[in-house]
Amino acid sequence: MDLAFTHAGEPGISYGEMWMETFGARGAAGHWLGEGWGIAAIDYDNDGWLDLVAVGAGANGGEVRLLRNLAREKFADVTKEVGLDKVKLSEPRAIVAADLRGMAKRIW
């Protein structure tokens, strides 16, 4: 994955290299009705593949989505599996990721 960005409307999220896959109302990776507002690359499962975490406005208000990288430009929506579907946000506009444990090791 060379590029990932959000849209202020469908499809919500696009990602890819030579071509773009979409994650949206009719996207291959899942279902997100509404607007994507922020996205960050993380390795949430520590498998060496960059996963995506995004925020946006869905059918039920602001929400977080976690897309697990399955390699070869395939992503699976694991939001519900990890419990992020229970997180409700009020008008999210951005998301930031940081390795706080790694930072603490360098500081101390």
PDB file of N, CA and C in Angstrom:
ATOM      1  N   MET A   1       0.854  -1.171   0.000  1.00  0.00           N
ATOM      2  CA  MET A   1       0.000   0.000   0.000  1.00  0.00           C
ATOM      3  C   MET A   1       0.897   1.231   0.000  1.00  0.00           C
ATOM      4  N   ASP A   2       0.743   2.052  -0.992  1.00  0.00           N
ATOM      5  CA  ASP A   2       1.515   3.281  -1.091  1.00  0.00           C
ATOM      6  C   ASP A   2       0.718   4.509  -0.673  1.00  0.00           C
ATOM      7  N   LEU A   3      -0.602   4.397  -0.701  1.00  0.00           N
ATOM      8  CA  LEU A   3      -1.437   5.572  -0.511  1.00  0.00           C
ATOM      9  C   LEU A   3      -2.744   5.173   0.160  1.00  0.00           C
ATOM     10  N   ALA A   4      -3.196   5.987   1.110  1.00  0.00           N
ATOM     11  CA  ALA A   4      -4.506   5.799   1.732  1.00  0.00           C
ATOM     12  C   ALA A   4      -5.054   7.176   2.069  1.00  0.00           C
ATOM     13  N   PHE A   5      -6.323   7.392   1.759  1.00  0.00           N
ATOM     14  CA  PHE A   5      -6.933   8.681   2.093  1.00  0.00           C
ATOM     15  C   PHE A   5      -8.427   8.519   2.281  1.00  0.00           C
ATOM     16  N   THR A   6      -9.030   9.525   2.926  1.00  0.00           N
ATOM     17  CA  THR A   6     -10.463   9.508   3.191  1.00  0.00           C
ATOM     18  C   THR A   6     -11.179  10.473   2.251  1.00  0.00           C
ATOM     19  N   HIS A   7     -12.497  10.287   2.154  1.00  0.00           N
ATOM     20  CA  HIS A   7     -13.351  11.121   1.298  1.00  0.00           C
ATOM     21  C   HIS A   7     -14.456  11.747   2.146  1.00  0.00           C
ATOM     22  N   ALA A   8     -14.863  12.945   1.804  1.00  0.00           N
ATOM     23  CA  ALA A   8     -15.999  13.585   2.471  1.00  0.00           C
ATOM     24  C   ALA A   8     -17.280  13.129   1.786  1.00  0.00           C
ATOM     25  N   GLY A   9     -17.487  11.851   1.731  1.00  0.00           N
ATOM     26  CA  GLY A   9     -18.620  11.203   1.076  1.00  0.00           C
ATOM     27  C   GLY A   9     -18.192   9.830   0.611  1.00  0.00           C
ATOM     28  N   GLU A  10     -19.080   9.132  -0.098  1.00  0.00           N
ATOM     29  CA  GLU A  10     -18.705   7.795  -0.570  1.00  0.00           C
ATOM     30  C   GLU A  10     -17.504   7.887  -1.489  1.00  0.00           C
ATOM     31  N   PRO A  11     -16.566   6.970  -1.411  1.00  0.00           N
ATOM     32  CA  PRO A  11     -16.615   5.674  -0.736  1.00  0.00           C
ATOM     33  C   PRO A  11     -16.120   5.684   0.702  1.00  0.00           C
ATOM     34  N   GLY A  12     -15.706   6.795   1.258  1.00  0.00           N
ATOM     35  CA  GLY A  12     -15.225   6.828   2.636  1.00  0.00           C
ATOM     36  C   GLY A  12     -13.717   6.722   2.719  1.00  0.00           C
ATOM     37  N   ILE A  13     -13.155   5.596   2.249  1.00  0.00           N
ATOM     38  CA  ILE A  13     -11.706   5.361   2.290  1.00  0.00           C
ATOM     39  C   ILE A  13     -11.258   4.760   0.968  1.00  0.00           C
ATOM     40  N   SER A  14     -10.112   5.211   0.472  1.00  0.00           N
ATOM     41  CA  SER A  14      -9.464   4.584  -0.683  1.00  0.00           C
ATOM     42  C   SER A  14      -8.032   4.252  -0.296  1.00  0.00           C
ATOM     43  N   TYR A  15      -7.516   3.160  -0.821  1.00  0.00           N
ATOM     44  CA  TYR A  15      -6.145   2.755  -0.544  1.00  0.00           C
ATOM     45  C   TYR A  15      -5.628   1.939  -1.718  1.00  0.00           C
ATOM     46  N   GLY A  16      -4.312   1.882  -1.888  1.00  0.00           N
ATOM     47  CA  GLY A  16      -3.755   1.049  -2.936  1.00  0.00           C
ATOM     48  C   GLY A  16      -2.402   1.505  -3.420  1.00  0.00           C
ATOM     49  N   GLU A  17      -1.964   0.894  -4.503  1.00  0.00           N
ATOM     50  CA  GLU A  17      -0.688   1.218  -5.147  1.00  0.00           C
ATOM     51  C   GLU A  17      -0.966   1.650  -6.579  1.00  0.00           C
ATOM     52  N   MET A  18      -0.949   0.722  -7.511  1.00  0.00           N
ATOM     53  CA  MET A  18      -1.159   1.032  -8.925  1.00  0.00           C
ATOM     54  C   MET A  18      -2.622   1.381  -9.211  1.00  0.00           C
ATOM     55  N   TRP A  19      -3.522   0.814  -8.485  1.00  0.00           N
ATOM     56  CA  TRP A  19      -4.946   1.075  -8.630  1.00  0.00           C
ATOM     57  C   TRP A  19      -5.510   1.275  -7.233  1.00  0.00           C
ATOM     58  N   MET A  20      -6.677   1.830  -7.136  1.00  0.00           N
ATOM     59  CA  MET A  20      -7.254   2.117  -5.832  1.00  0.00           C
ATOM     60  C   MET A  20      -8.385   1.150  -5.523  1.00  0.00           C
ATOM     61  N   GLU A  21      -8.335   0.568  -4.339  1.00  0.00           N
ATOM     62  CA  GLU A  21      -9.453  -0.186  -3.803  1.00  0.00           C
ATOM     63  C   GLU A  21     -10.253   0.791  -2.955  1.00  0.00           C
ATOM     64  N   THR A  22     -11.519   0.531  -2.751  1.00  0.00           N
ATOM     65  CA  THR A  22     -12.309   1.434  -1.922  1.00  0.00           C
ATOM     66  C   THR A  22     -12.974   0.668  -0.800  1.00  0.00           C
ATOM     67  N   PHE A  23     -13.172   1.350   0.284  1.00  0.00           N
ATOM     68  CA  PHE A  23     -13.886   0.839   1.442  1.00  0.00           C
ATOM     69  C   PHE A  23     -15.045   1.792   1.631  1.00  0.00           C
ATOM     70  N   GLY A  24     -16.237   1.343   1.350  1.00  0.00           N
ATOM     71  CA  GLY A  24     -17.381   2.232   1.448  1.00  0.00           C
ATOM     72  C   GLY A  24     -18.674   1.464   1.374  1.00  0.00           C
ATOM     73  N   ALA A  25     -19.729   2.144   1.018  1.00  0.00           N
ATOM     74  CA  ALA A  25     -21.043   1.512   0.987  1.00  0.00           C
ATOM     75  C   ALA A  25     -21.060   0.293   0.076  1.00  0.00           C
ATOM     76  N   ARG A  26     -20.303   0.346  -1.008  1.00  0.00           N
ATOM     77  CA  ARG A  26     -20.232  -0.797  -1.904  1.00  0.00           C
ATOM     78  C   ARG A  26     -18.802  -1.314  -2.023  1.00  0.00           C
ATOM     79  N   GLY A  27     -17.937  -0.921  -1.084  1.00  0.00           N
ATOM     80  CA  GLY A  27     -16.525  -1.291  -1.155  1.00  0.00           C
ATOM     81  C   GLY A  27     -16.276  -2.751  -0.834  1.00  0.00           C
ATOM     82  N   ALA A  28     -15.124  -3.242  -1.253  1.00  0.00           N
ATOM     83  CA  ALA A  28     -14.770  -4.644  -1.084  1.00  0.00           C
ATOM     84  C   ALA A  28     -14.474  -4.998   0.362  1.00  0.00           C
ATOM     85  N   ALA A  29     -13.974  -4.053   1.146  1.00  0.00           N
ATOM     86  CA  ALA A  29     -13.504  -4.376   2.493  1.00  0.00           C
ATOM     87  C   ALA A  29     -14.594  -4.312   3.548  1.00  0.00           C
ATOM     88  N   GLY A  30     -15.685  -3.670   3.294  1.00  0.00           N
ATOM     89  CA  GLY A  30     -16.692  -3.567   4.337  1.00  0.00           C
ATOM     90  C   GLY A  30     -17.772  -2.572   4.009  1.00  0.00           C
ATOM     91  N   HIS A  31     -18.256  -1.909   5.040  1.00  0.00           N
ATOM     92  CA  HIS A  31     -19.441  -1.073   4.895  1.00  0.00           C
ATOM     93  C   HIS A  31     -19.266   0.193   5.718  1.00  0.00           C
ATOM     94  N   TRP A  32     -19.254   1.321   5.067  1.00  0.00           N
ATOM     95  CA  TRP A  32     -19.178   2.598   5.783  1.00  0.00           C
ATOM     96  C   TRP A  32     -20.027   3.605   5.033  1.00  0.00           C
ATOM     97  N   LEU A  33     -21.186   3.872   5.558  1.00  0.00           N
ATOM     98  CA  LEU A  33     -22.058   4.876   4.950  1.00  0.00           C
ATOM     99  C   LEU A  33     -21.685   6.224   5.534  1.00  0.00           C
ATOM    100  N   GLY A  34     -21.416   7.174   4.699  1.00  0.00           N
ATOM    101  CA  GLY A  34     -21.110   8.503   5.208  1.00  0.00           C
ATOM    102  C   GLY A  34     -19.760   8.996   4.753  1.00  0.00           C
ATOM    103  N   GLU A  35     -19.089   9.727   5.645  1.00  0.00           N
ATOM    104  CA  GLU A  35     -17.868  10.445   5.299  1.00  0.00           C
ATOM    105  C   GLU A  35     -16.679   9.920   6.092  1.00  0.00           C
ATOM    106  N   GLY A  36     -15.530   9.801   5.429  1.00  0.00           N
ATOM    107  CA  GLY A  36     -14.283   9.501   6.110  1.00  0.00           C
ATOM    108  C   GLY A  36     -13.559  10.807   6.379  1.00  0.00           C
ATOM    109  N   TRP A  37     -13.004  10.959   7.597  1.00  0.00           N
ATOM    110  CA  TRP A  37     -12.367  12.237   7.935  1.00  0.00           C
ATOM    111  C   TRP A  37     -10.908  12.126   8.317  1.00  0.00           C
ATOM    112  N   GLY A  38     -10.453  10.981   8.729  1.00  0.00           N
ATOM    113  CA  GLY A  38      -9.052  10.855   9.102  1.00  0.00           C
ATOM    114  C   GLY A  38      -8.608   9.416   9.012  1.00  0.00           C
ATOM    115  N   ILE A  39      -7.330   9.203   8.688  1.00  0.00           N
ATOM    116  CA  ILE A  39      -6.813   7.844   8.539  1.00  0.00           C
ATOM    117  C   ILE A  39      -5.352   7.818   8.981  1.00  0.00           C
ATOM    118  N   ALA A  40      -4.930   6.693   9.543  1.00  0.00           N
ATOM    119  CA  ALA A  40      -3.541   6.520   9.966  1.00  0.00           C
ATOM    120  C   ALA A  40      -3.130   5.072   9.724  1.00  0.00           C
ATOM    121  N   ALA A  41      -1.868   4.876   9.417  1.00  0.00           N
ATOM    122  CA  ALA A  41      -1.308   3.537   9.229  1.00  0.00           C
ATOM    123  C   ALA A  41      -0.693   3.076  10.549  1.00  0.00           C
ATOM    124  N   ILE A  42      -1.090   1.888  10.997  1.00  0.00           N
ATOM    125  CA  ILE A  42      -0.563   1.302  12.228  1.00  0.00           C
ATOM    126  C   ILE A  42      -0.355  -0.192  11.991  1.00  0.00           C
ATOM    127  N   ASP A  43       0.354  -0.863  12.884  1.00  0.00           N
ATOM    128  CA  ASP A  43       0.463  -2.323  12.837  1.00  0.00           C
ATOM    129  C   ASP A  43      -0.156  -2.845  14.125  1.00  0.00           C
ATOM    130  N   TYR A  44      -1.477  -2.878  14.168  1.00  0.00           N
ATOM    131  CA  TYR A  44      -2.172  -3.191  15.415  1.00  0.00           C
ATOM    132  C   TYR A  44      -1.939  -4.623  15.879  1.00  0.00           C
ATOM    133  N   ASP A  45      -1.711  -5.555  14.967  1.00  0.00           N
ATOM    134  CA  ASP A  45      -1.532  -6.960  15.343  1.00  0.00           C
ATOM    135  C   ASP A  45      -0.071  -7.401  15.327  1.00  0.00           C
ATOM    136  N   ASN A  46       0.839  -6.461  15.098  1.00  0.00           N
ATOM    137  CA  ASN A  46       2.285  -6.705  15.142  1.00  0.00           C
ATOM    138  C   ASN A  46       2.728  -7.834  14.208  1.00  0.00           C
ATOM    139  N   ASP A  47       2.132  -7.885  13.005  1.00  0.00           N
ATOM    140  CA  ASP A  47       2.503  -8.925  12.039  1.00  0.00           C
ATOM    141  C   ASP A  47       3.430  -8.401  10.946  1.00  0.00           C
ATOM    142  N   GLY A  48       3.815  -7.129  11.029  1.00  0.00           N
ATOM    143  CA  GLY A  48       4.714  -6.543  10.039  1.00  0.00           C
ATOM    144  C   GLY A  48       4.004  -5.896   8.860  1.00  0.00           C
ATOM    145  N   TRP A  49       2.696  -6.055   8.756  1.00  0.00           N
ATOM    146  CA  TRP A  49       1.910  -5.431   7.685  1.00  0.00           C
ATOM    147  C   TRP A  49       1.208  -4.203   8.243  1.00  0.00           C
ATOM    148  N   LEU A  50       1.229  -3.091   7.492  1.00  0.00           N
ATOM    149  CA  LEU A  50       0.559  -1.871   7.945  1.00  0.00           C
ATOM    150  C   LEU A  50      -0.952  -2.001   7.799  1.00  0.00           C
ATOM    151  N   ASP A  51      -1.643  -1.823   8.905  1.00  0.00           N
ATOM    152  CA  ASP A  51      -3.097  -1.821   8.949  1.00  0.00           C
ATOM    153  C   ASP A  51      -3.565  -0.376   8.915  1.00  0.00           C
ATOM    154  N   LEU A  52      -4.858  -0.156   8.738  1.00  0.00           N
ATOM    155  CA  LEU A  52      -5.402   1.203   8.682  1.00  0.00           C
ATOM    156  C   LEU A  52      -6.439   1.403   9.769  1.00  0.00           C
ATOM    157  N   VAL A  53      -6.384   2.543  10.441  1.00  0.00           N
ATOM    158  CA  VAL A  53      -7.419   2.948  11.375  1.00  0.00           C
ATOM    159  C   VAL A  53      -7.954   4.282  10.862  1.00  0.00           C
ATOM    160  N   ALA A  54      -9.280   4.416  10.855  1.00  0.00           N
ATOM    161  CA  ALA A  54      -9.897   5.614  10.289  1.00  0.00           C
ATOM    162  C   ALA A  54     -11.061   6.073  11.160  1.00  0.00           C
ATOM    163  N   VAL A  55     -11.377   7.355  11.070  1.00  0.00           N
ATOM    164  CA  VAL A  55     -12.557   7.902  11.731  1.00  0.00           C
ATOM    165  C   VAL A  55     -13.411   8.589  10.679  1.00  0.00           C
ATOM    166  N   GLY A  56     -14.697   8.618  10.973  1.00  0.00           N
ATOM    167  CA  GLY A  56     -15.615   9.274  10.058  1.00  0.00           C
ATOM    168  C   GLY A  56     -17.017   9.284  10.623  1.00  0.00           C
ATOM    169  N   ALA A  57     -17.946   9.743   9.806  1.00  0.00           N
ATOM    170  CA  ALA A  57     -19.347   9.811  10.185  1.00  0.00           C
ATOM    171  C   ALA A  57     -20.079   8.687   9.483  1.00  0.00           C
ATOM    172  N   GLY A  58     -20.618   7.772  10.260  1.00  0.00           N
ATOM    173  CA  GLY A  58     -21.384   6.658   9.705  1.00  0.00           C
ATOM    174  C   GLY A  58     -22.863   6.880   9.904  1.00  0.00           C
ATOM    175  N   ALA A  59     -23.625   5.842   9.675  1.00  0.00           N
ATOM    176  CA  ALA A  59     -25.082   5.908   9.806  1.00  0.00           C
ATOM    177  C   ALA A  59     -25.504   6.210  11.240  1.00  0.00           C
ATOM    178  N   ASN A  60     -24.671   5.817  12.215  1.00  0.00           N
ATOM    179  CA  ASN A  60     -25.001   6.017  13.628  1.00  0.00           C
ATOM    180  C   ASN A  60     -24.140   7.086  14.287  1.00  0.00           C
ATOM    181  N   GLY A  61     -23.636   8.038  13.527  1.00  0.00           N
ATOM    182  CA  GLY A  61     -22.793   9.096  14.074  1.00  0.00           C
ATOM    183  C   GLY A  61     -21.323   8.810  13.843  1.00  0.00           C
ATOM    184  N   GLY A  62     -20.447   9.483  14.605  1.00  0.00           N
ATOM    185  CA  GLY A  62     -19.006   9.313  14.449  1.00  0.00           C
ATOM    186  C   GLY A  62     -18.549   7.936  14.893  1.00  0.00           C
ATOM    187  N   GLU A  63     -17.613   7.371  14.141  1.00  0.00           N
ATOM    188  CA  GLU A  63     -17.130   6.040  14.482  1.00  0.00           C
ATOM    189  C   GLU A  63     -15.681   5.837  14.055  1.00  0.00           C
ATOM    190  N   VAL A  64     -15.072   4.807  14.630  1.00  0.00           N
ATOM    191  CA  VAL A  64     -13.712   4.391  14.311  1.00  0.00           C
ATOM    192  C   VAL A  64     -13.812   3.091  13.520  1.00  0.00           C
ATOM    193  N   ARG A  65     -12.969   2.931  12.515  1.00  0.00           N
ATOM    194  CA  ARG A  65     -12.901   1.674  11.755  1.00  0.00           C
ATOM    195  C   ARG A  65     -11.460   1.192  11.738  1.00  0.00           C
ATOM    196  N   LEU A  66     -11.267  -0.119  11.926  1.00  0.00           N
ATOM    197  CA  LEU A  66      -9.951  -0.738  11.870  1.00  0.00           C
ATOM    198  C   LEU A  66      -9.937  -1.756  10.737  1.00  0.00           C
ATOM    199  N   LEU A  67      -9.029  -1.555   9.786  1.00  0.00           N
ATOM    200  CA  LEU A  67      -8.891  -2.449   8.643  1.00  0.00           C
ATOM    201  C   LEU A  67      -7.579  -3.207   8.768  1.00  0.00           C
ATOM    202  N   ARG A  68      -7.664  -4.526   8.896  1.00  0.00           N
ATOM    203  CA  ARG A  68      -6.471  -5.379   9.039  1.00  0.00           C
ATOM    204  C   ARG A  68      -5.933  -5.721   7.661  1.00  0.00           C
ATOM    205  N   ASN A  69      -4.638  -5.514   7.486  1.00  0.00           N
ATOM    206  CA  ASN A  69      -3.971  -5.804   6.223  1.00  0.00           C
ATOM    207  C   ASN A  69      -3.776  -7.308   6.094  1.00  0.00           C
ATOM    208  N   LEU A  70      -4.353  -7.886   5.041  1.00  0.00           N
ATOM    209  CA  LEU A  70      -4.227  -9.316   4.777  1.00  0.00           C
ATOM    210  C   LEU A  70      -3.197  -9.593   3.686  1.00  0.00           C
ATOM    211  N   ALA A  71      -2.433  -8.575   3.301  1.00  0.00           N
ATOM    212  CA  ALA A  71      -1.398  -8.637   2.250  1.00  0.00           C
ATOM    213  C   ALA A  71      -2.045  -8.551   0.871  1.00  0.00           C
ATOM    214  N   ARG A  72      -1.219  -8.232  -0.093  1.00  0.00           N
ATOM    215  CA  ARG A  72      -1.655  -8.101  -1.489  1.00  0.00           C
ATOM    216  C   ARG A  72      -2.853  -7.180  -1.651  1.00  0.00           C
ATOM    217  N   GLU A  73      -2.817  -6.038  -0.945  1.00  0.00           N
ATOM    218  CA  GLU A  73      -3.854  -5.009  -1.071  1.00  0.00           C
ATOM    219  C   GLU A  73      -5.242  -5.478  -0.644  1.00  0.00           C
ATOM    220  N   LYS A  74      -5.315  -6.462   0.227  1.00  0.00           N
ATOM    221  CA  LYS A  74      -6.599  -6.916   0.763  1.00  0.00           C
ATOM    222  C   LYS A  74      -6.684  -6.511   2.226  1.00  0.00           C
ATOM    223  N   PHE A  75      -7.810  -5.944   2.610  1.00  0.00           N
ATOM    224  CA  PHE A  75      -8.034  -5.532   3.983  1.00  0.00           C
ATOM    225  C   PHE A  75      -9.339  -6.134   4.487  1.00  0.00           C
ATOM    226  N   ALA A  76      -9.368  -6.475   5.770  1.00  0.00           N
ATOM    227  CA  ALA A  76     -10.582  -6.980   6.401  1.00  0.00           C
ATOM    228  C   ALA A  76     -10.995  -6.004   7.493  1.00  0.00           C
ATOM    229  N   ASP A  77     -12.269  -5.713   7.568  1.00  0.00           N
ATOM    230  CA  ASP A  77     -12.797  -4.847   8.614  1.00  0.00           C
ATOM    231  C   ASP A  77     -12.876  -5.661   9.907  1.00  0.00           C
ATOM    232  N   VAL A  78     -12.019  -5.342  10.873  1.00  0.00           N
ATOM    233  CA  VAL A  78     -11.993  -6.056  12.150  1.00  0.00           C
ATOM    234  C   VAL A  78     -12.492  -5.157  13.293  1.00  0.00           C
ATOM    235  N   THR A  79     -13.198  -4.108  12.944  1.00  0.00           N
ATOM    236  CA  THR A  79     -13.696  -3.141  13.926  1.00  0.00           C
ATOM    237  C   THR A  79     -14.492  -3.831  15.032  1.00  0.00           C
ATOM    238  N   LYS A  80     -15.433  -4.663  14.656  1.00  0.00           N
ATOM    239  CA  LYS A  80     -16.297  -5.331  15.627  1.00  0.00           C
ATOM    240  C   LYS A  80     -15.519  -6.347  16.459  1.00  0.00           C
ATOM    241  N   GLU A  81     -14.611  -7.082  15.815  1.00  0.00           N
ATOM    242  CA  GLU A  81     -13.822  -8.101  16.509  1.00  0.00           C
ATOM    243  C   GLU A  81     -13.007  -7.523  17.661  1.00  0.00           C
ATOM    244  N   VAL A  82     -12.493  -6.309  17.500  1.00  0.00           N
ATOM    245  CA  VAL A  82     -11.651  -5.701  18.538  1.00  0.00           C
ATOM    246  C   VAL A  82     -12.437  -4.764  19.461  1.00  0.00           C
ATOM    247  N   GLY A  83     -13.734  -4.619  19.248  1.00  0.00           N
ATOM    248  CA  GLY A  83     -14.579  -3.817  20.129  1.00  0.00           C
ATOM    249  C   GLY A  83     -14.656  -2.342  19.808  1.00  0.00           C
ATOM    250  N   LEU A  84     -14.054  -1.904  18.700  1.00  0.00           N
ATOM    251  CA  LEU A  84     -14.105  -0.482  18.350  1.00  0.00           C
ATOM    252  C   LEU A  84     -15.484  -0.041  17.870  1.00  0.00           C
ATOM    253  N   ASP A  85     -16.367  -0.983  17.562  1.00  0.00           N
ATOM    254  CA  ASP A  85     -17.725  -0.619  17.146  1.00  0.00           C
ATOM    255  C   ASP A  85     -18.508   0.001  18.302  1.00  0.00           C
ATOM    256  N   LYS A  86     -18.046  -0.206  19.522  1.00  0.00           N
ATOM    257  CA  LYS A  86     -18.712   0.360  20.700  1.00  0.00           C
ATOM    258  C   LYS A  86     -18.287   1.809  20.967  1.00  0.00           C
ATOM    259  N   VAL A  87     -17.220   2.268  20.312  1.00  0.00           N
ATOM    260  CA  VAL A  87     -16.727   3.636  20.488  1.00  0.00           C
ATOM    261  C   VAL A  87     -17.579   4.568  19.627  1.00  0.00           C
ATOM    262  N   LYS A  88     -18.210   5.530  20.253  1.00  0.00           N
ATOM    263  CA  LYS A  88     -19.022   6.520  19.543  1.00  0.00           C
ATOM    264  C   LYS A  88     -18.371   7.884  19.693  1.00  0.00           C
ATOM    265  N   LEU A  89     -18.206   8.580  18.593  1.00  0.00           N
ATOM    266  CA  LEU A  89     -17.538   9.869  18.575  1.00  0.00           C
ATOM    267  C   LEU A  89     -18.506  10.965  18.158  1.00  0.00           C
ATOM    268  N   SER A  90     -18.211  12.175  18.562  1.00  0.00           N
ATOM    269  CA  SER A  90     -19.011  13.324  18.172  1.00  0.00           C
ATOM    270  C   SER A  90     -18.231  14.141  17.139  1.00  0.00           C
ATOM    271  N   GLU A  91     -18.636  14.074  15.900  1.00  0.00           N
ATOM    272  CA  GLU A  91     -18.035  14.828  14.805  1.00  0.00           C
ATOM    273  C   GLU A  91     -16.516  14.666  14.707  1.00  0.00           C
ATOM    274  N   PRO A  92     -16.006  13.439  14.533  1.00  0.00           N
ATOM    275  CA  PRO A  92     -14.552  13.256  14.412  1.00  0.00           C
ATOM    276  C   PRO A  92     -14.024  13.899  13.134  1.00  0.00           C
ATOM    277  N   ARG A  93     -12.821  14.467  13.209  1.00  0.00           N
ATOM    278  CA  ARG A  93     -12.230  15.123  12.046  1.00  0.00           C
ATOM    279  C   ARG A  93     -10.814  14.663  11.743  1.00  0.00           C
ATOM    280  N   ALA A  94     -10.208  13.887  12.644  1.00  0.00           N
ATOM    281  CA  ALA A  94      -8.840  13.414  12.410  1.00  0.00           C
ATOM    282  C   ALA A  94      -8.525  12.280  13.372  1.00  0.00           C
ATOM    283  N   ILE A  95      -7.483  11.524  13.051  1.00  0.00           N
ATOM    284  CA  ILE A  95      -6.975  10.490  13.951  1.00  0.00           C
ATOM    285  C   ILE A  95      -5.456  10.516  13.874  1.00  0.00           C
ATOM    286  N   VAL A  96      -4.823  10.289  15.003  1.00  0.00           N
ATOM    287  CA  VAL A  96      -3.363  10.298  15.085  1.00  0.00           C
ATOM    288  C   VAL A  96      -2.931   9.006  15.777  1.00  0.00           C
ATOM    289  N   ALA A  97      -1.867   8.403  15.291  1.00  0.00           N
ATOM    290  CA  ALA A  97      -1.322   7.192  15.903  1.00  0.00           C
ATOM    291  C   ALA A  97       0.082   7.480  16.415  1.00  0.00           C
ATOM    292  N   ALA A  98       0.426   6.889  17.556  1.00  0.00           N
ATOM    293  CA  ALA A  98       1.762   7.061  18.139  1.00  0.00           C
ATOM    294  C   ALA A  98       2.147   5.794  18.892  1.00  0.00           C
ATOM    295  N   ASP A  99       3.431   5.522  18.969  1.00  0.00           N
ATOM    296  CA  ASP A  99       3.961   4.398  19.731  1.00  0.00           C
ATOM    297  C   ASP A  99       4.444   4.934  21.069  1.00  0.00           C
ATOM    298  N   LEU A 100       3.531   5.041  22.026  1.00  0.00           N
ATOM    299  CA  LEU A 100       3.874   5.624  23.319  1.00  0.00           C
ATOM    300  C   LEU A 100       4.817   4.737  24.116  1.00  0.00           C
ATOM    301  N   ARG A 101       4.657   3.420  24.015  1.00  0.00           N
ATOM    302  CA  ARG A 101       5.544   2.515  24.724  1.00  0.00           C
ATOM    303  C   ARG A 101       6.975   2.648  24.190  1.00  0.00           C
ATOM    304  N   GLY A 102       7.102   2.738  22.867  1.00  0.00           N
ATOM    305  CA  GLY A 102       8.404   2.922  22.250  1.00  0.00           C
ATOM    306  C   GLY A 102       9.025   4.256  22.630  1.00  0.00           C
ATOM    307  N   MET A 103       8.200   5.299  22.724  1.00  0.00           N
ATOM    308  CA  MET A 103       8.693   6.616  23.124  1.00  0.00           C
ATOM    309  C   MET A 103       9.177   6.579  24.564  1.00  0.00           C
ATOM    310  N   ALA A 104       8.426   5.924  25.439  1.00  0.00           N
ATOM    311  CA  ALA A 104       8.801   5.862  26.853  1.00  0.00           C
ATOM    312  C   ALA A 104      10.141   5.156  27.034  1.00  0.00           C
ATOM    313  N   LYS A 105      10.382   4.125  26.257  1.00  0.00           N
ATOM    314  CA  LYS A 105      11.658   3.401  26.337  1.00  0.00           C
ATOM    315  C   LYS A 105      12.820   4.321  25.992  1.00  0.00           C
ATOM    316  N   ARG A 106      12.630   5.190  24.995  1.00  0.00           N
ATOM    317  CA  ARG A 106      13.698   6.104  24.598  1.00  0.00           C
ATOM    318  C   ARG A 106      13.889   7.237  25.605  1.00  0.00           C
ATOM    319  N   ILE A 107      12.817   7.663  26.230  1.00  0.00           N
ATOM    320  CA  ILE A 107      12.905   8.779  27.181  1.00  0.00           C
ATOM    321  C   ILE A 107      13.524   8.324  28.493  1.00  0.00           C
ATOM    322  N   TRP A 108      13.123   7.178  28.990  1.00  0.00           N
ATOM    323  CA  TRP A 108      13.597   6.708  30.295  1.00  0.00           C
ATOM    324  C   TRP A 108      14.895   6.011  30.101  1.00  0.00           C
TER     325      TRP A 108
END
